[in-house]
Amino acid sequence: MSSTESGTAPEGTEVPSTSTTNLSARESEIVALIVQGLSHQEIAETAFLSINSVKTYIRTAYRKMGVTRRSQAVGWAIQHGFAPEVPADDD
């Protein structure tokens, strides 16, 4: 079972509650991966999806978020709690 089938995001991905974002759980996962800087292909491999499925999820998420570009989506996502985990300094 993949991490998305079990309802959890990949390690290092913080996904806010979908009830506050209007995004589906899968759309939220994809947006969180975009915020981490992953390419379409990297998202497909991480989420066990085809590249066309990734593009569809991105398109529907952008529509719900009211954005048209990746940079706008990242800004929206950060404002709504989709922040990538920051590694702790081990000094």
Protein backbone atom coordinates (compact mmCIF):
# COMPACT_ATOMS: atom_id res chain seq x y z
CA MET A 1 0.00 0.00 0.00
CA SER A 2 1.42 3.41 -0.95
CA SER A 3 1.63 6.31 1.47
CA THR A 4 -1.27 8.01 -0.31
CA GLU A 5 -3.50 4.96 -0.08
CA SER A 6 -2.96 4.84 3.66
CA GLY A 7 -3.92 8.51 3.98
CA THR A 8 -0.49 9.84 4.92
CA ALA A 9 1.82 12.05 2.92
CA PRO A 10 5.38 11.10 2.01
CA GLU A 11 7.98 11.75 4.70
CA GLY A 12 8.98 15.40 4.90
CA THR A 13 5.65 16.62 3.56
CA GLU A 14 3.30 18.62 5.74
CA VAL A 15 -0.25 18.55 4.41
CA PRO A 16 -2.90 20.67 6.16
CA SER A 17 -6.38 19.38 6.82
CA THR A 18 -8.32 19.20 3.56
CA SER A 19 -11.43 20.55 5.28
CA THR A 20 -9.82 24.00 5.41
CA THR A 21 -8.50 24.11 1.85
CA ASN A 22 -11.23 22.70 -0.45
CA LEU A 23 -8.56 20.49 -1.97
CA SER A 24 -8.88 16.72 -2.00
CA ALA A 25 -6.34 14.74 -0.01
CA ARG A 26 -4.49 13.79 -3.20
CA GLU A 27 -4.52 17.40 -4.49
CA SER A 28 -3.15 18.54 -1.12
CA GLU A 29 -0.38 15.96 -1.36
CA ILE A 30 0.53 17.10 -4.87
CA VAL A 31 0.57 20.77 -3.81
CA ALA A 32 2.82 19.91 -0.85
CA LEU A 33 5.23 18.19 -3.23
CA ILE A 34 5.20 21.25 -5.52
CA VAL A 35 6.14 23.41 -2.53
CA GLN A 36 9.09 21.10 -1.93
CA GLY A 37 10.28 21.95 -5.45
CA LEU A 38 9.64 18.60 -7.10
CA SER A 39 9.15 18.45 -10.87
CA HIS A 40 6.10 16.84 -12.46
CA GLN A 41 8.11 13.68 -13.08
CA GLU A 42 9.44 13.58 -9.51
CA ILE A 43 5.91 14.04 -8.16
CA ALA A 44 4.69 11.19 -10.37
CA GLU A 45 7.41 8.89 -9.05
CA THR A 46 6.90 9.92 -5.40
CA ALA A 47 3.10 9.62 -5.52
CA PHE A 48 3.03 6.48 -7.72
CA LEU A 49 1.03 8.26 -10.44
CA SER A 50 1.35 8.74 -14.17
CA ILE A 51 2.62 12.09 -15.38
CA ASN A 52 -0.81 12.77 -16.92
CA SER A 53 -2.52 12.13 -13.57
CA VAL A 54 -0.11 14.54 -11.89
CA LYS A 55 -0.91 17.22 -14.47
CA THR A 56 -4.64 16.68 -13.93
CA TYR A 57 -4.32 16.96 -10.14
CA ILE A 58 -2.25 20.11 -10.53
CA ARG A 59 -4.74 21.65 -12.94
CA THR A 60 -7.72 20.98 -10.65
CA ALA A 61 -5.81 22.16 -7.57
CA TYR A 62 -4.80 25.39 -9.32
CA ARG A 63 -8.42 26.01 -10.28
CA LYS A 64 -9.57 25.53 -6.68
CA MET A 65 -6.75 27.74 -5.39
CA GLY A 66 -7.45 30.45 -7.97
CA VAL A 67 -3.93 30.48 -9.40
CA THR A 68 -2.48 29.95 -12.86
CA ARG A 69 1.26 29.56 -12.28
CA ARG A 70 3.49 27.39 -10.10
CA SER A 71 4.95 30.42 -8.32
CA GLN A 72 1.44 31.60 -7.41
CA ALA A 73 0.56 28.10 -6.22
CA VAL A 74 3.63 27.98 -3.97
CA GLY A 75 2.75 31.36 -2.47
CA TRP A 76 -0.84 30.27 -1.88
CA ALA A 77 0.27 26.98 -0.40
CA ILE A 78 2.71 28.55 2.04
CA GLN A 79 0.01 30.98 3.21
CA HIS A 80 -2.29 28.01 3.81
CA GLY A 81 0.16 25.89 5.80
CA PHE A 82 1.80 23.75 3.13
CA ALA A 83 5.32 24.35 4.38
CA PRO A 84 8.11 21.88 3.69
CA GLU A 85 9.86 20.57 6.78
CA VAL A 86 13.03 22.48 7.55
CA PRO A 87 15.90 20.19 8.58
CA ALA A 88 17.18 20.83 12.08
CA ASP A 89 20.75 22.04 12.48
CA ASP A 90 22.88 19.38 14.15
CA ASP A 91 25.55 21.73 15.50
